[in-house]
Amino acid sequence: MLTESDMPPLQMLVVFESSARHLSFTAAARELGTTQPAISQQVKALEGYLKTPLFKRVYRGVELTDAGHILLKTTQASFGEIRKTVTYIRKKNKTPRINVATDFAFSAYWLLPRLPDFRKRHPDIDIRLHTAQSNVDIGLSDADLAIVFSNGVHSGFYTDKLFEEDVYPICSPRLLEEVGPITDLDQITGVPLLKLNAGDEEKWMTWETLFQQHNTSWSPSHSVMEFDNYTLLVQAAIAGQGFALGWGSLIDDMIDKNMLVGLQAFRSQSHYGYFTVVPQPLVEDPIVKTFKDWIHSQND
């Protein structure tokens, strides 16, 4: 059992370590939020306790004695172990949480309907969901994991494809009944169209690209209603306001529920898609791995 005679007060050792590391009582005082005379007094008290000098006073500063070097090495190692242990205990007792970033469309149509399953399986993990109007800028995000629409190339991050871009025209059952069966892509140019007004950097499939891939000319005869939000575009399609492009994995549930009809004969695919993106330092984090594995299991 330690007694007062076995160990000097901990504060003395803290003051010594800072003073020895900086080789300056003034710098130690600044770091510890006290005054230089108070630091000097603590050091003198420690030297008195040990009955040996720890510093040599030299011109414009101090130097460590042999005893000072030995004590510095020991205090730094000991404080390092204490710091690691305290961090471990605090982290262990803290409720685990993961910060997830994605766009509104993926969050609303794919992630949120599936999250109850994750919460049931892992009730001890809190989830903080960050959503963006358009694609997530992972370079500015503090997310532990992001789900982004891209080509999967993100320097400094580990990426894994969740699903590829699979696009086809969609509309409400009522609108399809009004305009009649669509057997040729040219027919779509003669009906009201809804268009996602995405920026050039976002690389979403467009009507023009879909028509090009099917070797068909894009020349709509009706006015086109444009949206900068995919969730609003889908709601307009459900309301029967026109034909839109549907991203398969996002709108599958609405097709299954007969809220929308998918004209899959005119589908197109690309090397873009949704990817899970994790900062390299967090690749082996157990909470991140748990959430990432669950996400990919939902797409099996």
C-alpha atoms as a PDB file:
ATOM      1  CA  MET A   1       0.000   0.000   0.000  1.00  0.00           C
ATOM      2  CA  LEU A   2       1.315   3.425  -0.952  1.00  0.00           C
ATOM      3  CA  THR A   3       1.706   6.039   1.750  1.00  0.00           C
ATOM      4  CA  GLU A   4       2.600   9.732   1.650  1.00  0.00           C
ATOM      5  CA  SER A   5       6.217   8.825   2.330  1.00  0.00           C
ATOM      6  CA  ASP A   6       6.347   6.543  -0.734  1.00  0.00           C
ATOM      7  CA  MET A   7       5.132   9.054  -3.319  1.00  0.00           C
ATOM      8  CA  PRO A   8       5.202  12.824  -3.710  1.00  0.00           C
ATOM      9  CA  PRO A   9       1.868  14.542  -4.474  1.00  0.00           C
ATOM     10  CA  LEU A  10       0.708  13.870  -8.034  1.00  0.00           C
ATOM     11  CA  GLN A  11       0.502  17.598  -8.808  1.00  0.00           C
ATOM     12  CA  MET A  12       4.243  17.932  -8.165  1.00  0.00           C
ATOM     13  CA  LEU A  13       4.919  15.248 -10.782  1.00  0.00           C
ATOM     14  CA  VAL A  14       2.568  16.918 -13.279  1.00  0.00           C
ATOM     15  CA  VAL A  15       4.402  20.224 -12.816  1.00  0.00           C
ATOM     16  CA  PHE A  16       7.783  18.505 -13.133  1.00  0.00           C
ATOM     17  CA  GLU A  17       6.837  16.649 -16.332  1.00  0.00           C
ATOM     18  CA  SER A  18       5.642  19.834 -18.034  1.00  0.00           C
ATOM     19  CA  SER A  19       8.688  21.825 -16.892  1.00  0.00           C
ATOM     20  CA  ALA A  20      11.093  19.083 -17.968  1.00  0.00           C
ATOM     21  CA  ARG A  21       9.414  18.575 -21.337  1.00  0.00           C
ATOM     22  CA  HIS A  22       9.547  22.304 -22.132  1.00  0.00           C
ATOM     23  CA  LEU A  23      12.819  22.967 -20.273  1.00  0.00           C
ATOM     24  CA  SER A  24      11.090  26.132 -19.176  1.00  0.00           C
ATOM     25  CA  PHE A  25       9.182  27.032 -16.018  1.00  0.00           C
ATOM     26  CA  THR A  26       7.470  29.846 -17.909  1.00  0.00           C
ATOM     27  CA  ALA A  27       6.210  27.519 -20.653  1.00  0.00           C
ATOM     28  CA  ALA A  28       5.035  25.022 -18.026  1.00  0.00           C
ATOM     29  CA  ALA A  29       3.118  27.774 -16.233  1.00  0.00           C
ATOM     30  CA  ARG A  30       1.436  28.758 -19.509  1.00  0.00           C
ATOM     31  CA  GLU A  31       0.487  25.138 -20.275  1.00  0.00           C
ATOM     32  CA  LEU A  32      -0.880  24.467 -16.785  1.00  0.00           C
ATOM     33  CA  GLY A  33      -2.629  27.795 -16.389  1.00  0.00           C
ATOM     34  CA  THR A  34      -0.628  29.053 -13.424  1.00  0.00           C
ATOM     35  CA  THR A  35       2.314  31.382 -12.704  1.00  0.00           C
ATOM     36  CA  GLN A  36       6.054  30.885 -13.090  1.00  0.00           C
ATOM     37  CA  PRO A  37       6.730  31.398  -9.355  1.00  0.00           C
ATOM     38  CA  ALA A  38       4.135  28.732  -8.512  1.00  0.00           C
ATOM     39  CA  ILE A  39       5.869  26.286 -10.883  1.00  0.00           C
ATOM     40  CA  SER A  40       9.254  27.073  -9.404  1.00  0.00           C
ATOM     41  CA  GLN A  41       7.905  26.534  -5.870  1.00  0.00           C
ATOM     42  CA  GLN A  42       6.456  23.105  -6.806  1.00  0.00           C
ATOM     43  CA  VAL A  43       9.726  22.026  -8.412  1.00  0.00           C
ATOM     44  CA  LYS A  44      11.717  23.094  -5.336  1.00  0.00           C
ATOM     45  CA  ALA A  45       9.292  21.165  -3.128  1.00  0.00           C
ATOM     46  CA  LEU A  46       9.754  18.031  -5.280  1.00  0.00           C
ATOM     47  CA  GLU A  47      13.533  18.383  -5.177  1.00  0.00           C
ATOM     48  CA  GLY A  48      13.292  18.728  -1.416  1.00  0.00           C
ATOM     49  CA  TYR A  49      11.146  15.600  -1.207  1.00  0.00           C
ATOM     50  CA  LEU A  50      13.679  13.634  -3.306  1.00  0.00           C
ATOM     51  CA  LYS A  51      16.650  15.324  -1.654  1.00  0.00           C
ATOM     52  CA  THR A  52      18.333  15.818  -5.025  1.00  0.00           C
ATOM     53  CA  PRO A  53      18.285  18.510  -7.707  1.00  0.00           C
ATOM     54  CA  LEU A  54      16.287  17.771 -10.880  1.00  0.00           C
ATOM     55  CA  PHE A  55      17.227  20.877 -12.841  1.00  0.00           C
ATOM     56  CA  LYS A  56      20.397  22.846 -13.397  1.00  0.00           C
ATOM     57  CA  ARG A  57      19.753  26.548 -13.681  1.00  0.00           C
ATOM     58  CA  VAL A  58      21.606  27.866 -16.698  1.00  0.00           C
ATOM     59  CA  TYR A  59      21.645  31.126 -18.622  1.00  0.00           C
ATOM     60  CA  ARG A  60      18.152  31.809 -20.026  1.00  0.00           C
ATOM     61  CA  GLY A  61      16.692  28.478 -18.971  1.00  0.00           C
ATOM     62  CA  VAL A  62      17.128  25.161 -17.215  1.00  0.00           C
ATOM     63  CA  GLU A  63      18.646  21.768 -17.999  1.00  0.00           C
ATOM     64  CA  LEU A  64      17.861  18.356 -16.521  1.00  0.00           C
ATOM     65  CA  THR A  65      20.230  16.611 -14.166  1.00  0.00           C
ATOM     66  CA  ASP A  66      20.781  12.853 -14.447  1.00  0.00           C
ATOM     67  CA  ALA A  67      18.081  12.336 -11.817  1.00  0.00           C
ATOM     68  CA  GLY A  68      15.798  14.676 -13.761  1.00  0.00           C
ATOM     69  CA  HIS A  69      16.240  12.636 -16.957  1.00  0.00           C
ATOM     70  CA  ILE A  70      15.370   9.418 -15.131  1.00  0.00           C
ATOM     71  CA  LEU A  71      12.296  10.914 -13.495  1.00  0.00           C
ATOM     72  CA  LEU A  72      11.085  12.480 -16.768  1.00  0.00           C
ATOM     73  CA  LYS A  73      11.259   9.150 -18.571  1.00  0.00           C
ATOM     74  CA  THR A  74       9.319   7.420 -15.803  1.00  0.00           C
ATOM     75  CA  THR A  75       6.654  10.100 -15.367  1.00  0.00           C
ATOM     76  CA  GLN A  76       5.977  10.311 -19.116  1.00  0.00           C
ATOM     77  CA  ALA A  77       5.619   6.540 -19.400  1.00  0.00           C
ATOM     78  CA  SER A  78       3.380   6.405 -16.334  1.00  0.00           C
ATOM     79  CA  PHE A  79       1.207   9.325 -17.407  1.00  0.00           C
ATOM     80  CA  GLY A  80       0.905   7.763 -20.859  1.00  0.00           C
ATOM     81  CA  GLU A  81      -0.402   4.515 -19.385  1.00  0.00           C
ATOM     82  CA  ILE A  82      -2.799   6.366 -17.084  1.00  0.00           C
ATOM     83  CA  ARG A  83      -4.084   8.430 -20.032  1.00  0.00           C
ATOM     84  CA  LYS A  84      -4.694   5.290 -22.141  1.00  0.00           C
ATOM     85  CA  THR A  85      -6.480   3.550 -19.281  1.00  0.00           C
ATOM     86  CA  VAL A  86      -8.702   6.546 -18.534  1.00  0.00           C
ATOM     87  CA  THR A  87      -9.561   6.918 -22.246  1.00  0.00           C
ATOM     88  CA  TYR A  88     -10.429   3.226 -22.473  1.00  0.00           C
ATOM     89  CA  ILE A  89     -12.669   3.349 -19.396  1.00  0.00           C
ATOM     90  CA  ARG A  90     -14.471   6.498 -20.576  1.00  0.00           C
ATOM     91  CA  LYS A  91     -15.002   5.067 -24.050  1.00  0.00           C
ATOM     92  CA  LYS A  92     -16.175   1.738 -22.644  1.00  0.00           C
ATOM     93  CA  ASN A  93     -18.785   3.415 -20.469  1.00  0.00           C
ATOM     94  CA  LYS A  94     -19.940   5.748 -23.244  1.00  0.00           C
ATOM     95  CA  THR A  95     -22.946   4.722 -25.332  1.00  0.00           C
ATOM     96  CA  PRO A  96     -21.570   3.650 -28.742  1.00  0.00           C
ATOM     97  CA  ARG A  97     -22.698   5.887 -31.584  1.00  0.00           C
ATOM     98  CA  ILE A  98     -22.161   6.041 -35.317  1.00  0.00           C
ATOM     99  CA  ASN A  99     -22.461   9.146 -37.496  1.00  0.00           C
ATOM    100  CA  VAL A 100     -23.888   8.282 -40.913  1.00  0.00           C
ATOM    101  CA  ALA A 101     -24.071  10.718 -43.841  1.00  0.00           C
ATOM    102  CA  THR A 102     -26.077  10.321 -47.039  1.00  0.00           C
ATOM    103  CA  ASP A 103     -28.475  12.170 -49.333  1.00  0.00           C
ATOM    104  CA  PHE A 104     -32.209  12.728 -48.751  1.00  0.00           C
ATOM    105  CA  ALA A 105     -33.329  10.269 -51.425  1.00  0.00           C
ATOM    106  CA  PHE A 106     -31.270   7.343 -50.169  1.00  0.00           C
ATOM    107  CA  SER A 107     -32.194   8.120 -46.583  1.00  0.00           C
ATOM    108  CA  ALA A 108     -35.943   8.398 -47.238  1.00  0.00           C
ATOM    109  CA  TYR A 109     -36.437   5.575 -49.731  1.00  0.00           C
ATOM    110  CA  TRP A 110     -33.828   2.975 -48.768  1.00  0.00           C
ATOM    111  CA  LEU A 111     -32.213   3.515 -45.374  1.00  0.00           C
ATOM    112  CA  LEU A 112     -35.036   4.678 -43.088  1.00  0.00           C
ATOM    113  CA  PRO A 113     -37.422   1.815 -43.957  1.00  0.00           C
ATOM    114  CA  ARG A 114     -34.656  -0.661 -43.017  1.00  0.00           C
ATOM    115  CA  LEU A 115     -33.240   1.045 -39.914  1.00  0.00           C
ATOM    116  CA  PRO A 116     -35.758  -0.549 -37.503  1.00  0.00           C
ATOM    117  CA  ASP A 117     -34.106  -3.893 -38.251  1.00  0.00           C
ATOM    118  CA  PHE A 118     -30.667  -2.552 -37.279  1.00  0.00           C
ATOM    119  CA  ARG A 119     -32.003  -0.958 -34.106  1.00  0.00           C
ATOM    120  CA  LYS A 120     -33.684  -4.214 -33.154  1.00  0.00           C
ATOM    121  CA  ARG A 121     -30.452  -6.143 -33.690  1.00  0.00           C
ATOM    122  CA  HIS A 122     -28.210  -3.535 -32.026  1.00  0.00           C
ATOM    123  CA  PRO A 123     -30.260  -1.596 -29.457  1.00  0.00           C
ATOM    124  CA  ASP A 124     -27.059  -0.459 -27.727  1.00  0.00           C
ATOM    125  CA  ILE A 125     -25.800   1.585 -30.720  1.00  0.00           C
ATOM    126  CA  ASP A 126     -27.041   5.147 -31.206  1.00  0.00           C
ATOM    127  CA  ILE A 127     -27.315   6.441 -34.789  1.00  0.00           C
ATOM    128  CA  ARG A 128     -26.867  10.041 -35.847  1.00  0.00           C
ATOM    129  CA  LEU A 129     -28.038  10.579 -39.425  1.00  0.00           C
ATOM    130  CA  HIS A 130     -26.722  13.527 -41.458  1.00  0.00           C
ATOM    131  CA  THR A 131     -28.582  14.169 -44.722  1.00  0.00           C
ATOM    132  CA  ALA A 132     -27.789  16.469 -47.623  1.00  0.00           C
ATOM    133  CA  GLN A 133     -29.972  17.952 -50.337  1.00  0.00           C
ATOM    134  CA  SER A 134     -27.673  16.539 -53.011  1.00  0.00           C
ATOM    135  CA  ASN A 135     -24.671  14.268 -52.792  1.00  0.00           C
ATOM    136  CA  VAL A 136     -22.583  14.199 -49.616  1.00  0.00           C
ATOM    137  CA  ASP A 137     -19.227  15.992 -49.629  1.00  0.00           C
ATOM    138  CA  ILE A 138     -17.286  13.373 -47.682  1.00  0.00           C
ATOM    139  CA  GLY A 139     -14.243  15.613 -47.530  1.00  0.00           C
ATOM    140  CA  LEU A 140     -16.164  18.085 -45.372  1.00  0.00           C
ATOM    141  CA  SER A 141     -18.222  15.536 -43.468  1.00  0.00           C
ATOM    142  CA  ASP A 142     -17.348  14.270 -39.988  1.00  0.00           C
ATOM    143  CA  ALA A 143     -19.254  11.045 -40.639  1.00  0.00           C
ATOM    144  CA  ASP A 144     -17.926   7.678 -39.519  1.00  0.00           C
ATOM    145  CA  LEU A 145     -19.537   6.196 -42.610  1.00  0.00           C
ATOM    146  CA  ALA A 146     -21.111   7.781 -45.683  1.00  0.00           C
ATOM    147  CA  ILE A 147     -23.357   6.314 -48.355  1.00  0.00           C
ATOM    148  CA  VAL A 148     -22.767   8.285 -51.533  1.00  0.00           C
ATOM    149  CA  PHE A 149     -23.711   8.162 -55.192  1.00  0.00           C
ATOM    150  CA  SER A 150     -20.435   8.139 -57.132  1.00  0.00           C
ATOM    151  CA  ASN A 151     -18.021   6.077 -59.202  1.00  0.00           C
ATOM    152  CA  GLY A 152     -16.468   4.687 -56.017  1.00  0.00           C
ATOM    153  CA  VAL A 153     -13.172   6.567 -56.310  1.00  0.00           C
ATOM    154  CA  HIS A 154     -12.452   8.485 -53.087  1.00  0.00           C
ATOM    155  CA  SER A 155      -8.810   8.991 -52.168  1.00  0.00           C
ATOM    156  CA  GLY A 156      -8.092   8.346 -48.485  1.00  0.00           C
ATOM    157  CA  PHE A 157     -11.321   6.389 -47.987  1.00  0.00           C
ATOM    158  CA  TYR A 158     -12.273   2.730 -48.195  1.00  0.00           C
ATOM    159  CA  THR A 159     -15.189   2.231 -50.602  1.00  0.00           C
ATOM    160  CA  ASP A 160     -17.438  -0.746 -51.205  1.00  0.00           C
ATOM    161  CA  LYS A 161     -20.231  -0.861 -53.802  1.00  0.00           C
ATOM    162  CA  LEU A 162     -23.705  -1.249 -52.367  1.00  0.00           C
ATOM    163  CA  PHE A 163     -25.572  -1.322 -55.673  1.00  0.00           C
ATOM    164  CA  GLU A 164     -24.997  -0.022 -59.187  1.00  0.00           C
ATOM    165  CA  GLU A 165     -27.018   2.592 -60.994  1.00  0.00           C
ATOM    166  CA  ASP A 166     -30.045   0.867 -62.539  1.00  0.00           C
ATOM    167  CA  VAL A 167     -32.502   3.353 -64.050  1.00  0.00           C
ATOM    168  CA  TYR A 168     -35.787   3.067 -65.940  1.00  0.00           C
ATOM    169  CA  PRO A 169     -38.858   5.247 -66.553  1.00  0.00           C
ATOM    170  CA  ILE A 170     -41.550   5.275 -63.858  1.00  0.00           C
ATOM    171  CA  CYS A 171     -45.033   6.745 -63.562  1.00  0.00           C
ATOM    172  CA  SER A 172     -48.221   6.294 -61.587  1.00  0.00           C
ATOM    173  CA  PRO A 173     -50.548   3.413 -62.579  1.00  0.00           C
ATOM    174  CA  ARG A 174     -53.280   5.982 -63.279  1.00  0.00           C
ATOM    175  CA  LEU A 175     -51.127   7.982 -65.692  1.00  0.00           C
ATOM    176  CA  LEU A 176     -50.034   4.843 -67.550  1.00  0.00           C
ATOM    177  CA  GLU A 177     -53.672   3.868 -67.928  1.00  0.00           C
ATOM    178  CA  GLU A 178     -54.474   7.328 -69.355  1.00  0.00           C
ATOM    179  CA  VAL A 179     -51.679   7.404 -71.943  1.00  0.00           C
ATOM    180  CA  GLY A 180     -51.999   3.738 -72.884  1.00  0.00           C
ATOM    181  CA  PRO A 181     -49.330   1.020 -72.968  1.00  0.00           C
ATOM    182  CA  ILE A 182     -45.784   2.219 -73.694  1.00  0.00           C
ATOM    183  CA  THR A 183     -44.169  -0.199 -76.158  1.00  0.00           C
ATOM    184  CA  ASP A 184     -41.566   2.131 -77.630  1.00  0.00           C
ATOM    185  CA  LEU A 185     -39.307   4.685 -75.950  1.00  0.00           C
ATOM    186  CA  ASP A 186     -40.304   7.310 -78.535  1.00  0.00           C
ATOM    187  CA  GLN A 187     -43.788   7.341 -77.020  1.00  0.00           C
ATOM    188  CA  ILE A 188     -42.430   8.794 -73.781  1.00  0.00           C
ATOM    189  CA  THR A 189     -41.400  11.998 -75.545  1.00  0.00           C
ATOM    190  CA  GLY A 190     -45.085  12.656 -76.128  1.00  0.00           C
ATOM    191  CA  VAL A 191     -46.126  12.570 -72.464  1.00  0.00           C
ATOM    192  CA  PRO A 192     -45.413  14.994 -69.571  1.00  0.00           C
ATOM    193  CA  LEU A 193     -41.916  14.429 -68.219  1.00  0.00           C
ATOM    194  CA  LEU A 194     -40.315  15.060 -64.832  1.00  0.00           C
ATOM    195  CA  LYS A 195     -36.592  15.710 -64.709  1.00  0.00           C
ATOM    196  CA  LEU A 196     -33.976  15.772 -61.937  1.00  0.00           C
ATOM    197  CA  ASN A 197     -31.939  18.944 -62.292  1.00  0.00           C
ATOM    198  CA  ALA A 198     -28.679  17.563 -60.898  1.00  0.00           C
ATOM    199  CA  GLY A 199     -25.358  19.377 -61.106  1.00  0.00           C
ATOM    200  CA  ASP A 200     -22.730  18.221 -63.595  1.00  0.00           C
ATOM    201  CA  GLU A 201     -20.556  16.898 -60.790  1.00  0.00           C
ATOM    202  CA  GLU A 202     -23.274  14.574 -59.485  1.00  0.00           C
ATOM    203  CA  LYS A 203     -23.387  12.333 -62.580  1.00  0.00           C
ATOM    204  CA  TRP A 204     -26.966  11.101 -62.150  1.00  0.00           C
ATOM    205  CA  MET A 205     -28.479   9.439 -65.212  1.00  0.00           C
ATOM    206  CA  THR A 206     -30.518  11.869 -67.320  1.00  0.00           C
ATOM    207  CA  TRP A 207     -33.313  11.419 -69.835  1.00  0.00           C
ATOM    208  CA  GLU A 208     -30.894  12.419 -72.573  1.00  0.00           C
ATOM    209  CA  THR A 209     -28.395   9.704 -71.552  1.00  0.00           C
ATOM    210  CA  LEU A 210     -31.078   7.035 -71.285  1.00  0.00           C
ATOM    211  CA  PHE A 211     -32.371   7.867 -74.756  1.00  0.00           C
ATOM    212  CA  GLN A 212     -28.830   7.811 -76.180  1.00  0.00           C
ATOM    213  CA  GLN A 213     -28.157   4.384 -74.694  1.00  0.00           C
ATOM    214  CA  HIS A 214     -31.306   3.105 -76.406  1.00  0.00           C
ATOM    215  CA  ASN A 215     -30.324   4.776 -79.703  1.00  0.00           C
ATOM    216  CA  THR A 216     -33.400   6.992 -79.580  1.00  0.00           C
ATOM    217  CA  SER A 217     -33.625  10.711 -80.197  1.00  0.00           C
ATOM    218  CA  TRP A 218     -34.509  12.928 -77.209  1.00  0.00           C
ATOM    219  CA  SER A 219     -37.102  15.438 -78.377  1.00  0.00           C
ATOM    220  CA  PRO A 220     -39.902  15.918 -75.837  1.00  0.00           C
ATOM    221  CA  SER A 221     -43.064  17.469 -77.226  1.00  0.00           C
ATOM    222  CA  HIS A 222     -44.437  18.436 -73.791  1.00  0.00           C
ATOM    223  CA  SER A 223     -42.944  20.887 -71.324  1.00  0.00           C
ATOM    224  CA  VAL A 224     -40.589  19.318 -68.794  1.00  0.00           C
ATOM    225  CA  MET A 225     -40.974  19.928 -65.061  1.00  0.00           C
ATOM    226  CA  GLU A 226     -37.570  20.051 -63.341  1.00  0.00           C
ATOM    227  CA  PHE A 227     -36.738  19.318 -59.683  1.00  0.00           C
ATOM    228  CA  ASP A 228     -33.543  19.745 -57.690  1.00  0.00           C
ATOM    229  CA  ASN A 229     -34.771  17.243 -55.091  1.00  0.00           C
ATOM    230  CA  TYR A 230     -35.324  13.590 -56.001  1.00  0.00           C
ATOM    231  CA  THR A 231     -37.809  12.946 -53.210  1.00  0.00           C
ATOM    232  CA  LEU A 232     -40.082  15.709 -54.581  1.00  0.00           C
ATOM    233  CA  LEU A 233     -39.704  14.345 -58.090  1.00  0.00           C
ATOM    234  CA  VAL A 234     -40.858  10.889 -56.939  1.00  0.00           C
ATOM    235  CA  GLN A 235     -43.836  12.399 -55.108  1.00  0.00           C
ATOM    236  CA  ALA A 236     -44.821  14.215 -58.303  1.00  0.00           C
ATOM    237  CA  ALA A 237     -44.605  10.926 -60.220  1.00  0.00           C
ATOM    238  CA  ILE A 238     -46.800   9.190 -57.636  1.00  0.00           C
ATOM    239  CA  ALA A 239     -49.319  12.027 -57.989  1.00  0.00           C
ATOM    240  CA  GLY A 240     -49.523  11.345 -61.737  1.00  0.00           C
ATOM    241  CA  GLN A 241     -47.876  14.558 -62.880  1.00  0.00           C
ATOM    242  CA  GLY A 242     -45.578  12.881 -65.385  1.00  0.00           C
ATOM    243  CA  PHE A 243     -43.011  10.211 -66.197  1.00  0.00           C
ATOM    244  CA  ALA A 244     -39.748  10.283 -64.245  1.00  0.00           C
ATOM    245  CA  LEU A 245     -36.557   8.261 -64.068  1.00  0.00           C
ATOM    246  CA  GLY A 246     -36.541   5.756 -61.241  1.00  0.00           C
ATOM    247  CA  TRP A 247     -33.411   4.421 -59.550  1.00  0.00           C
ATOM    248  CA  GLY A 248     -34.257   0.753 -59.094  1.00  0.00           C
ATOM    249  CA  SER A 249     -33.044   0.093 -55.572  1.00  0.00           C
ATOM    250  CA  LEU A 250     -34.591   3.323 -54.272  1.00  0.00           C
ATOM    251  CA  ILE A 251     -38.115   2.862 -55.642  1.00  0.00           C
ATOM    252  CA  ASP A 252     -38.510  -0.945 -55.594  1.00  0.00           C
ATOM    253  CA  ASP A 253     -40.792  -0.811 -52.555  1.00  0.00           C
ATOM    254  CA  MET A 254     -43.105   1.734 -54.204  1.00  0.00           C
ATOM    255  CA  ILE A 255     -43.384  -0.451 -57.292  1.00  0.00           C
ATOM    256  CA  ASP A 256     -44.124  -3.492 -55.120  1.00  0.00           C
ATOM    257  CA  LYS A 257     -46.910  -1.503 -53.407  1.00  0.00           C
ATOM    258  CA  ASN A 258     -48.318  -0.437 -56.816  1.00  0.00           C
ATOM    259  CA  MET A 259     -47.694   3.225 -56.075  1.00  0.00           C
ATOM    260  CA  LEU A 260     -45.551   3.389 -59.198  1.00  0.00           C
ATOM    261  CA  VAL A 261     -45.110   1.391 -62.382  1.00  0.00           C
ATOM    262  CA  GLY A 262     -41.616   0.707 -63.711  1.00  0.00           C
ATOM    263  CA  LEU A 263     -41.029   0.446 -67.469  1.00  0.00           C
ATOM    264  CA  GLN A 264     -38.088  -1.890 -67.054  1.00  0.00           C
ATOM    265  CA  ALA A 265     -37.911  -2.735 -70.759  1.00  0.00           C
ATOM    266  CA  PHE A 266     -36.184   0.653 -71.153  1.00  0.00           C
ATOM    267  CA  ARG A 267     -33.716   0.313 -68.283  1.00  0.00           C
ATOM    268  CA  SER A 268     -30.124   1.591 -68.402  1.00  0.00           C
ATOM    269  CA  GLN A 269     -27.126   0.963 -66.168  1.00  0.00           C
ATOM    270  CA  SER A 270     -23.770   2.623 -65.582  1.00  0.00           C
ATOM    271  CA  HIS A 271     -20.587   2.176 -63.545  1.00  0.00           C
ATOM    272  CA  TYR A 272     -21.931   4.708 -61.042  1.00  0.00           C
ATOM    273  CA  GLY A 273     -23.963   3.664 -58.036  1.00  0.00           C
ATOM    274  CA  TYR A 274     -24.234   3.906 -54.262  1.00  0.00           C
ATOM    275  CA  PHE A 275     -21.103   3.123 -52.277  1.00  0.00           C
ATOM    276  CA  THR A 276     -20.369   2.887 -48.586  1.00  0.00           C
ATOM    277  CA  VAL A 277     -17.391   5.144 -47.863  1.00  0.00           C
ATOM    278  CA  VAL A 278     -15.338   4.893 -44.666  1.00  0.00           C
ATOM    279  CA  PRO A 279     -12.300   6.993 -43.625  1.00  0.00           C
ATOM    280  CA  GLN A 280      -9.218   4.762 -43.592  1.00  0.00           C
ATOM    281  CA  PRO A 281      -8.570   5.193 -39.815  1.00  0.00           C
ATOM    282  CA  LEU A 282     -12.087   3.848 -39.068  1.00  0.00           C
ATOM    283  CA  VAL A 283     -12.027   0.773 -41.316  1.00  0.00           C
ATOM    284  CA  GLU A 284     -11.437  -1.579 -38.362  1.00  0.00           C
ATOM    285  CA  ASP A 285     -13.646   0.295 -35.890  1.00  0.00           C
ATOM    286  CA  PRO A 286     -16.064  -2.328 -34.489  1.00  0.00           C
ATOM    287  CA  ILE A 287     -19.120  -0.045 -34.536  1.00  0.00           C
ATOM    288  CA  VAL A 288     -18.446   1.067 -38.113  1.00  0.00           C
ATOM    289  CA  LYS A 289     -17.868  -2.533 -39.214  1.00  0.00           C
ATOM    290  CA  THR A 290     -21.121  -3.622 -37.565  1.00  0.00           C
ATOM    291  CA  PHE A 291     -23.160  -0.940 -39.341  1.00  0.00           C
ATOM    292  CA  LYS A 292     -21.409  -1.402 -42.688  1.00  0.00           C
ATOM    293  CA  ASP A 293     -21.858  -5.194 -42.618  1.00  0.00           C
ATOM    294  CA  TRP A 294     -25.534  -4.722 -41.806  1.00  0.00           C
ATOM    295  CA  ILE A 295     -26.054  -2.265 -44.701  1.00  0.00           C
ATOM    296  CA  HIS A 296     -24.536  -4.656 -47.219  1.00  0.00           C
ATOM    297  CA  SER A 297     -26.512  -7.592 -45.823  1.00  0.00           C
ATOM    298  CA  GLN A 298     -29.700  -5.653 -46.601  1.00  0.00           C
ATOM    299  CA  ASN A 299     -28.803  -5.640 -50.280  1.00  0.00           C
ATOM    300  CA  ASP A 300     -28.062  -9.380 -50.555  1.00  0.00           C
END
